[in-house]
Amino acid sequence: MDMARPQRKGVQDARNELPALLAEAAKGRPTIITRHGRAIAAVVPVDTIRHRARQMPLTPLARSGKGLWGRNSAETIRRLRGEWDR
């Protein structure tokens, strides 16, 4: 099996093969569950979720103003000033 590309299973096949899919996930191999050919869920190793679920604390951003003005603060200020002229 190609480690770079997760295997894909339809919903019915996934139901029938759930123990095997869980065993594959335990070995680090993800599976994409599809319905009518569209991905709807994934069976992945829990470590994958733990790494992605880590969130940075918001405390360092408190009172920093970061994100308040967007990527181009000068453009945002011009746009906001323009609203007063309407």
PDB file of N, CA and C in Angstrom:
ATOM      1  N   MET A   1       0.849  -1.189   0.000  1.00  0.00           N
ATOM      2  CA  MET A   1       0.000   0.000   0.000  1.00  0.00           C
ATOM      3  C   MET A   1       0.882   1.234   0.000  1.00  0.00           C
ATOM      4  N   ASP A   2       0.468   2.242  -0.742  1.00  0.00           N
ATOM      5  CA  ASP A   2       1.208   3.499  -0.844  1.00  0.00           C
ATOM      6  C   ASP A   2       0.991   4.316   0.429  1.00  0.00           C
ATOM      7  N   MET A   3       2.073   4.606   1.162  1.00  0.00           N
ATOM      8  CA  MET A   3       1.965   5.335   2.423  1.00  0.00           C
ATOM      9  C   MET A   3       1.607   6.801   2.196  1.00  0.00           C
ATOM     10  N   ALA A   4       1.953   7.348   1.036  1.00  0.00           N
ATOM     11  CA  ALA A   4       1.698   8.760   0.792  1.00  0.00           C
ATOM     12  C   ALA A   4       0.232   9.024   0.461  1.00  0.00           C
ATOM     13  N   ARG A   5      -0.468   8.035  -0.017  1.00  0.00           N
ATOM     14  CA  ARG A   5      -1.841   8.234  -0.461  1.00  0.00           C
ATOM     15  C   ARG A   5      -2.768   7.325   0.352  1.00  0.00           C
ATOM     16  N   PRO A   6      -3.740   7.911   1.060  1.00  0.00           N
ATOM     17  CA  PRO A   6      -4.661   7.082   1.840  1.00  0.00           C
ATOM     18  C   PRO A   6      -5.538   6.239   0.929  1.00  0.00           C
ATOM     19  N   GLN A   7      -5.894   5.067   1.410  1.00  0.00           N
ATOM     20  CA  GLN A   7      -6.843   4.263   0.638  1.00  0.00           C
ATOM     21  C   GLN A   7      -8.228   4.876   0.763  1.00  0.00           C
ATOM     22  N   ARG A   8      -9.085   4.585  -0.188  1.00  0.00           N
ATOM     23  CA  ARG A   8     -10.443   5.130  -0.200  1.00  0.00           C
ATOM     24  C   ARG A   8     -11.416   3.954  -0.152  1.00  0.00           C
ATOM     25  N   LYS A   9     -12.452   4.107   0.657  1.00  0.00           N
ATOM     26  CA  LYS A   9     -13.481   3.080   0.779  1.00  0.00           C
ATOM     27  C   LYS A   9     -14.844   3.739   0.749  1.00  0.00           C
ATOM     28  N   GLY A  10     -15.788   3.101   0.092  1.00  0.00           N
ATOM     29  CA  GLY A  10     -17.167   3.548   0.138  1.00  0.00           C
ATOM     30  C   GLY A  10     -17.747   3.273   1.516  1.00  0.00           C
ATOM     31  N   VAL A  11     -18.852   3.917   1.839  1.00  0.00           N
ATOM     32  CA  VAL A  11     -19.454   3.786   3.166  1.00  0.00           C
ATOM     33  C   VAL A  11     -19.770   2.325   3.490  1.00  0.00           C
ATOM     34  N   GLN A  12     -20.398   1.623   2.567  1.00  0.00           N
ATOM     35  CA  GLN A  12     -20.782   0.235   2.843  1.00  0.00           C
ATOM     36  C   GLN A  12     -19.559  -0.647   3.063  1.00  0.00           C
ATOM     37  N   ASP A  13     -18.539  -0.494   2.225  1.00  0.00           N
ATOM     38  CA  ASP A  13     -17.310  -1.266   2.413  1.00  0.00           C
ATOM     39  C   ASP A  13     -16.655  -0.928   3.745  1.00  0.00           C
ATOM     40  N   ALA A  14     -16.661   0.349   4.105  1.00  0.00           N
ATOM     41  CA  ALA A  14     -16.056   0.769   5.367  1.00  0.00           C
ATOM     42  C   ALA A  14     -16.784   0.136   6.554  1.00  0.00           C
ATOM     43  N   ARG A  15     -18.119   0.086   6.475  1.00  0.00           N
ATOM     44  CA  ARG A  15     -18.881  -0.568   7.550  1.00  0.00           C
ATOM     45  C   ARG A  15     -18.492  -2.025   7.686  1.00  0.00           C
ATOM     46  N   ASN A  16     -18.400  -2.690   6.541  1.00  0.00           N
ATOM     47  CA  ASN A  16     -18.085  -4.121   6.560  1.00  0.00           C
ATOM     48  C   ASN A  16     -16.649  -4.399   6.973  1.00  0.00           C
ATOM     49  N   GLU A  17     -15.761  -3.458   6.738  1.00  0.00           N
ATOM     50  CA  GLU A  17     -14.338  -3.671   7.000  1.00  0.00           C
ATOM     51  C   GLU A  17     -13.803  -2.831   8.151  1.00  0.00           C
ATOM     52  N   LEU A  18     -14.670  -2.333   9.008  1.00  0.00           N
ATOM     53  CA  LEU A  18     -14.229  -1.421  10.064  1.00  0.00           C
ATOM     54  C   LEU A  18     -13.097  -1.979  10.920  1.00  0.00           C
ATOM     55  N   PRO A  19     -13.164  -3.235  11.394  1.00  0.00           N
ATOM     56  CA  PRO A  19     -12.032  -3.723  12.199  1.00  0.00           C
ATOM     57  C   PRO A  19     -10.699  -3.664  11.448  1.00  0.00           C
ATOM     58  N   ALA A  20     -10.724  -3.982  10.164  1.00  0.00           N
ATOM     59  CA  ALA A  20      -9.494  -3.940   9.377  1.00  0.00           C
ATOM     60  C   ALA A  20      -9.026  -2.498   9.190  1.00  0.00           C
ATOM     61  N   LEU A  21      -9.964  -1.575   8.982  1.00  0.00           N
ATOM     62  CA  LEU A  21      -9.593  -0.167   8.823  1.00  0.00           C
ATOM     63  C   LEU A  21      -8.987   0.380  10.106  1.00  0.00           C
ATOM     64  N   LEU A  22      -9.542  -0.027  11.247  1.00  0.00           N
ATOM     65  CA  LEU A  22      -8.984   0.408  12.527  1.00  0.00           C
ATOM     66  C   LEU A  22      -7.584  -0.153  12.733  1.00  0.00           C
ATOM     67  N   ALA A  23      -7.376  -1.398  12.328  1.00  0.00           N
ATOM     68  CA  ALA A  23      -6.040  -1.995  12.431  1.00  0.00           C
ATOM     69  C   ALA A  23      -5.045  -1.245  11.550  1.00  0.00           C
ATOM     70  N   GLU A  24      -5.483  -0.858  10.350  1.00  0.00           N
ATOM     71  CA  GLU A  24      -4.620  -0.085   9.458  1.00  0.00           C
ATOM     72  C   GLU A  24      -4.298   1.284  10.064  1.00  0.00           C
ATOM     73  N   ALA A  25      -5.290   1.923  10.660  1.00  0.00           N
ATOM     74  CA  ALA A  25      -5.059   3.219  11.294  1.00  0.00           C
ATOM     75  C   ALA A  25      -4.059   3.082  12.440  1.00  0.00           C
ATOM     76  N   ALA A  26      -4.159   2.002  13.186  1.00  0.00           N
ATOM     77  CA  ALA A  26      -3.218   1.769  14.291  1.00  0.00           C
ATOM     78  C   ALA A  26      -1.789   1.629  13.773  1.00  0.00           C
ATOM     79  N   LYS A  27      -1.651   1.195  12.524  1.00  0.00           N
ATOM     80  CA  LYS A  27      -0.329   1.066  11.907  1.00  0.00           C
ATOM     81  C   LYS A  27       0.117   2.366  11.228  1.00  0.00           C
ATOM     82  N   GLY A  28      -0.746   3.394  11.297  1.00  0.00           N
ATOM     83  CA  GLY A  28      -0.385   4.678  10.714  1.00  0.00           C
ATOM     84  C   GLY A  28      -0.917   4.910   9.318  1.00  0.00           C
ATOM     85  N   ARG A  29      -1.810   4.046   8.853  1.00  0.00           N
ATOM     86  CA  ARG A  29      -2.330   4.160   7.488  1.00  0.00           C
ATOM     87  C   ARG A  29      -3.760   4.697   7.492  1.00  0.00           C
ATOM     88  N   PRO A  30      -3.973   5.897   6.988  1.00  0.00           N
ATOM     89  CA  PRO A  30      -5.314   6.485   6.978  1.00  0.00           C
ATOM     90  C   PRO A  30      -6.196   5.918   5.865  1.00  0.00           C
ATOM     91  N   THR A  31      -7.515   6.043   6.060  1.00  0.00           N
ATOM     92  CA  THR A  31      -8.492   5.640   5.055  1.00  0.00           C
ATOM     93  C   THR A  31      -9.519   6.756   4.919  1.00  0.00           C
ATOM     94  N   ILE A  32      -9.822   7.133   3.688  1.00  0.00           N
ATOM     95  CA  ILE A  32     -10.850   8.129   3.402  1.00  0.00           C
ATOM     96  C   ILE A  32     -12.151   7.383   3.126  1.00  0.00           C
ATOM     97  N   ILE A  33     -13.221   7.772   3.797  1.00  0.00           N
ATOM     98  CA  ILE A  33     -14.532   7.168   3.585  1.00  0.00           C
ATOM     99  C   ILE A  33     -15.294   8.055   2.601  1.00  0.00           C
ATOM    100  N   THR A  34     -15.844   7.433   1.571  1.00  0.00           N
ATOM    101  CA  THR A  34     -16.548   8.203   0.543  1.00  0.00           C
ATOM    102  C   THR A  34     -18.012   7.802   0.463  1.00  0.00           C
ATOM    103  N   ARG A  35     -18.817   8.752   0.017  1.00  0.00           N
ATOM    104  CA  ARG A  35     -20.229   8.493  -0.290  1.00  0.00           C
ATOM    105  C   ARG A  35     -20.457   9.052  -1.684  1.00  0.00           C
ATOM    106  N   HIS A  36     -20.884   8.193  -2.584  1.00  0.00           N
ATOM    107  CA  HIS A  36     -21.097   8.584  -3.981  1.00  0.00           C
ATOM    108  C   HIS A  36     -19.837   9.217  -4.576  1.00  0.00           C
ATOM    109  N   GLY A  37     -18.675   8.697  -4.179  1.00  0.00           N
ATOM    110  CA  GLY A  37     -17.407   9.168  -4.728  1.00  0.00           C
ATOM    111  C   GLY A  37     -16.833  10.416  -4.080  1.00  0.00           C
ATOM    112  N   ARG A  38     -17.555  11.006  -3.130  1.00  0.00           N
ATOM    113  CA  ARG A  38     -17.075  12.226  -2.462  1.00  0.00           C
ATOM    114  C   ARG A  38     -16.611  11.898  -1.048  1.00  0.00           C
ATOM    115  N   ALA A  39     -15.458  12.407  -0.675  1.00  0.00           N
ATOM    116  CA  ALA A  39     -14.913  12.163   0.662  1.00  0.00           C
ATOM    117  C   ALA A  39     -15.818  12.795   1.713  1.00  0.00           C
ATOM    118  N   ILE A  40     -16.167  12.009   2.751  1.00  0.00           N
ATOM    119  CA  ILE A  40     -17.017  12.531   3.822  1.00  0.00           C
ATOM    120  C   ILE A  40     -16.411  12.350   5.206  1.00  0.00           C
ATOM    121  N   ALA A  41     -15.455  11.443   5.339  1.00  0.00           N
ATOM    122  CA  ALA A  41     -14.858  11.186   6.660  1.00  0.00           C
ATOM    123  C   ALA A  41     -13.508  10.504   6.455  1.00  0.00           C
ATOM    124  N   ALA A  42     -12.786  10.382   7.558  1.00  0.00           N
ATOM    125  CA  ALA A  42     -11.497   9.692   7.501  1.00  0.00           C
ATOM    126  C   ALA A  42     -11.291   8.881   8.761  1.00  0.00           C
ATOM    127  N   VAL A  43     -10.664   7.736   8.593  1.00  0.00           N
ATOM    128  CA  VAL A  43     -10.207   6.939   9.725  1.00  0.00           C
ATOM    129  C   VAL A  43      -8.699   7.141   9.729  1.00  0.00           C
ATOM    130  N   VAL A  44      -8.209   7.835  10.743  1.00  0.00           N
ATOM    131  CA  VAL A  44      -6.795   8.189  10.791  1.00  0.00           C
ATOM    132  C   VAL A  44      -6.208   7.809  12.146  1.00  0.00           C
ATOM    133  N   PRO A  45      -4.895   7.662  12.211  1.00  0.00           N
ATOM    134  CA  PRO A  45      -4.264   7.427  13.506  1.00  0.00           C
ATOM    135  C   PRO A  45      -4.549   8.599  14.444  1.00  0.00           C
ATOM    136  N   VAL A  46      -4.817   8.315  15.691  1.00  0.00           N
ATOM    137  CA  VAL A  46      -5.182   9.364  16.642  1.00  0.00           C
ATOM    138  C   VAL A  46      -4.060  10.389  16.811  1.00  0.00           C
ATOM    139  N   ASP A  47      -2.823   9.993  16.614  1.00  0.00           N
ATOM    140  CA  ASP A  47      -1.711  10.947  16.717  1.00  0.00           C
ATOM    141  C   ASP A  47      -1.826  12.043  15.668  1.00  0.00           C
ATOM    142  N   THR A  48      -2.407  11.729  14.519  1.00  0.00           N
ATOM    143  CA  THR A  48      -2.613  12.726  13.476  1.00  0.00           C
ATOM    144  C   THR A  48      -3.519  13.832  13.989  1.00  0.00           C
ATOM    145  N   ILE A  49      -4.564  13.456  14.683  1.00  0.00           N
ATOM    146  CA  ILE A  49      -5.518  14.424  15.215  1.00  0.00           C
ATOM    147  C   ILE A  49      -4.883  15.222  16.347  1.00  0.00           C
ATOM    148  N   ARG A  50      -4.147  14.574  17.191  1.00  0.00           N
ATOM    149  CA  ARG A  50      -3.519  15.275  18.313  1.00  0.00           C
ATOM    150  C   ARG A  50      -2.588  16.366  17.835  1.00  0.00           C
ATOM    151  N   HIS A  51      -1.823  16.079  16.782  1.00  0.00           N
ATOM    152  CA  HIS A  51      -0.895  17.085  16.267  1.00  0.00           C
ATOM    153  C   HIS A  51      -1.640  18.250  15.654  1.00  0.00           C
ATOM    154  N   ARG A  52      -2.709  17.989  14.930  1.00  0.00           N
ATOM    155  CA  ARG A  52      -3.460  19.060  14.278  1.00  0.00           C
ATOM    156  C   ARG A  52      -4.336  19.817  15.258  1.00  0.00           C
ATOM    157  N   ALA A  53      -4.770  19.162  16.311  1.00  0.00           N
ATOM    158  CA  ALA A  53      -5.694  19.795  17.248  1.00  0.00           C
ATOM    159  C   ALA A  53      -4.996  20.733  18.229  1.00  0.00           C
ATOM    160  N   ARG A  54      -3.685  20.686  18.277  1.00  0.00           N
ATOM    161  CA  ARG A  54      -2.980  21.580  19.195  1.00  0.00           C
ATOM    162  C   ARG A  54      -3.224  23.017  18.783  1.00  0.00           C
ATOM    163  N   GLN A  55      -3.661  23.787  19.719  1.00  0.00           N
ATOM    164  CA  GLN A  55      -3.916  25.188  19.436  1.00  0.00           C
ATOM    165  C   GLN A  55      -2.964  26.037  20.249  1.00  0.00           C
ATOM    166  N   MET A  56      -2.568  27.117  19.651  1.00  0.00           N
ATOM    167  CA  MET A  56      -1.720  28.046  20.373  1.00  0.00           C
ATOM    168  C   MET A  56      -2.608  28.842  21.320  1.00  0.00           C
ATOM    169  N   PRO A  57      -2.127  29.134  22.507  1.00  0.00           N
ATOM    170  CA  PRO A  57      -2.923  29.938  23.417  1.00  0.00           C
ATOM    171  C   PRO A  57      -3.127  31.344  22.849  1.00  0.00           C
ATOM    172  N   LEU A  58      -4.260  31.912  23.145  1.00  0.00           N
ATOM    173  CA  LEU A  58      -4.573  33.254  22.659  1.00  0.00           C
ATOM    174  C   LEU A  58      -4.016  34.346  23.555  1.00  0.00           C
ATOM    175  N   THR A  59      -3.547  33.986  24.737  1.00  0.00           N
ATOM    176  CA  THR A  59      -3.042  34.964  25.691  1.00  0.00           C
ATOM    177  C   THR A  59      -1.963  35.878  25.103  1.00  0.00           C
ATOM    178  N   PRO A  60      -0.987  35.367  24.348  1.00  0.00           N
ATOM    179  CA  PRO A  60       0.035  36.270  23.800  1.00  0.00           C
ATOM    180  C   PRO A  60      -0.536  37.310  22.824  1.00  0.00           C
ATOM    181  N   LEU A  61      -1.700  37.042  22.263  1.00  0.00           N
ATOM    182  CA  LEU A  61      -2.296  37.985  21.319  1.00  0.00           C
ATOM    183  C   LEU A  61      -3.136  39.057  22.008  1.00  0.00           C
ATOM    184  N   ALA A  62      -3.412  38.872  23.275  1.00  0.00           N
ATOM    185  CA  ALA A  62      -4.257  39.825  23.995  1.00  0.00           C
ATOM    186  C   ALA A  62      -3.668  41.228  23.911  1.00  0.00           C
ATOM    187  N   ARG A  63      -4.511  42.193  23.564  1.00  0.00           N
ATOM    188  CA  ARG A  63      -4.155  43.602  23.450  1.00  0.00           C
ATOM    189  C   ARG A  63      -3.050  43.881  22.437  1.00  0.00           C
ATOM    190  N   SER A  64      -2.806  42.943  21.520  1.00  0.00           N
ATOM    191  CA  SER A  64      -1.749  43.151  20.528  1.00  0.00           C
ATOM    192  C   SER A  64      -2.279  43.805  19.259  1.00  0.00           C
ATOM    193  N   GLY A  65      -3.578  43.656  18.994  1.00  0.00           N
ATOM    194  CA  GLY A  65      -4.147  44.199  17.770  1.00  0.00           C
ATOM    195  C   GLY A  65      -3.863  43.345  16.549  1.00  0.00           C
ATOM    196  N   LYS A  66      -3.128  42.235  16.718  1.00  0.00           N
ATOM    197  CA  LYS A  66      -2.824  41.372  15.580  1.00  0.00           C
ATOM    198  C   LYS A  66      -4.113  40.820  15.001  1.00  0.00           C
ATOM    199  N   GLY A  67      -4.222  40.890  13.708  1.00  0.00           N
ATOM    200  CA  GLY A  67      -5.405  40.382  13.021  1.00  0.00           C
ATOM    201  C   GLY A  67      -6.536  41.385  12.948  1.00  0.00           C
ATOM    202  N   LEU A  68      -6.431  42.469  13.654  1.00  0.00           N
ATOM    203  CA  LEU A  68      -7.501  43.453  13.697  1.00  0.00           C
ATOM    204  C   LEU A  68      -7.644  44.194  12.372  1.00  0.00           C
ATOM    205  N   TRP A  69      -6.535  44.474  11.720  1.00  0.00           N
ATOM    206  CA  TRP A  69      -6.567  45.291  10.512  1.00  0.00           C
ATOM    207  C   TRP A  69      -6.372  44.487   9.238  1.00  0.00           C
ATOM    208  N   GLY A  70      -6.249  43.193   9.317  1.00  0.00           N
ATOM    209  CA  GLY A  70      -6.050  42.387   8.121  1.00  0.00           C
ATOM    210  C   GLY A  70      -4.596  42.392   7.682  1.00  0.00           C
ATOM    211  N   ARG A  71      -4.365  41.915   6.477  1.00  0.00           N
ATOM    212  CA  ARG A  71      -2.984  41.805   5.978  1.00  0.00           C
ATOM    213  C   ARG A  71      -2.396  43.154   5.607  1.00  0.00           C
ATOM    214  N   ASN A  72      -3.232  44.061   5.121  1.00  0.00           N
ATOM    215  CA  ASN A  72      -2.745  45.373   4.698  1.00  0.00           C
ATOM    216  C   ASN A  72      -3.465  46.428   5.537  1.00  0.00           C
ATOM    217  N   SER A  73      -2.851  46.811   6.633  1.00  0.00           N
ATOM    218  CA  SER A  73      -3.510  47.733   7.560  1.00  0.00           C
ATOM    219  C   SER A  73      -3.781  49.089   6.934  1.00  0.00           C
ATOM    220  N   ALA A  74      -2.873  49.581   6.065  1.00  0.00           N
ATOM    221  CA  ALA A  74      -3.082  50.885   5.435  1.00  0.00           C
ATOM    222  C   ALA A  74      -4.332  50.860   4.557  1.00  0.00           C
ATOM    223  N   GLU A  75      -4.516  49.792   3.805  1.00  0.00           N
ATOM    224  CA  GLU A  75      -5.695  49.674   2.945  1.00  0.00           C
ATOM    225  C   GLU A  75      -6.968  49.590   3.787  1.00  0.00           C
ATOM    226  N   THR A  76      -6.922  48.844   4.873  1.00  0.00           N
ATOM    227  CA  THR A  76      -8.085  48.723   5.749  1.00  0.00           C
ATOM    228  C   THR A  76      -8.468  50.080   6.322  1.00  0.00           C
ATOM    229  N   ILE A  77      -7.492  50.856   6.760  1.00  0.00           N
ATOM    230  CA  ILE A  77      -7.767  52.187   7.325  1.00  0.00           C
ATOM    231  C   ILE A  77      -8.363  53.102   6.257  1.00  0.00           C
ATOM    232  N   ARG A  78      -7.810  53.067   5.027  1.00  0.00           N
ATOM    233  CA  ARG A  78      -8.378  53.866   3.929  1.00  0.00           C
ATOM    234  C   ARG A  78      -9.833  53.486   3.667  1.00  0.00           C
ATOM    235  N   ARG A  79     -10.104  52.189   3.668  1.00  0.00           N
ATOM    236  CA  ARG A  79     -11.469  51.720   3.427  1.00  0.00           C
ATOM    237  C   ARG A  79     -12.408  52.187   4.543  1.00  0.00           C
ATOM    238  N   LEU A  80     -11.947  52.079   5.776  1.00  0.00           N
ATOM    239  CA  LEU A  80     -12.782  52.505   6.904  1.00  0.00           C
ATOM    240  C   LEU A  80     -13.025  54.012   6.866  1.00  0.00           C
ATOM    241  N   ARG A  81     -11.998  54.777   6.526  1.00  0.00           N
ATOM    242  CA  ARG A  81     -12.166  56.233   6.413  1.00  0.00           C
ATOM    243  C   ARG A  81     -13.158  56.572   5.304  1.00  0.00           C
ATOM    244  N   GLY A  82     -13.100  55.800   4.226  1.00  0.00           N
ATOM    245  CA  GLY A  82     -14.009  56.009   3.108  1.00  0.00           C
ATOM    246  C   GLY A  82     -15.458  55.802   3.500  1.00  0.00           C
ATOM    247  N   GLU A  83     -15.712  54.966   4.497  1.00  0.00           N
ATOM    248  CA  GLU A  83     -17.080  54.745   4.943  1.00  0.00           C
ATOM    249  C   GLU A  83     -17.664  56.005   5.569  1.00  0.00           C
ATOM    250  N   TRP A  84     -16.825  56.830   6.158  1.00  0.00           N
ATOM    251  CA  TRP A  84     -17.305  58.074   6.780  1.00  0.00           C
ATOM    252  C   TRP A  84     -17.741  59.100   5.745  1.00  0.00           C
ATOM    253  N   ASP A  85     -17.151  59.002   4.546  1.00  0.00           N
ATOM    254  CA  ASP A  85     -17.442  59.967   3.481  1.00  0.00           C
ATOM    255  C   ASP A  85     -18.736  59.650   2.743  1.00  0.00           C
ATOM    256  N   ARG A  86     -19.338  58.552   2.999  1.00  0.00           N
ATOM    257  CA  ARG A  86     -20.538  58.157   2.264  1.00  0.00           C
ATOM    258  C   ARG A  86     -21.744  58.920   2.716  1.00  0.00           C
TER     259      ARG A  86
END
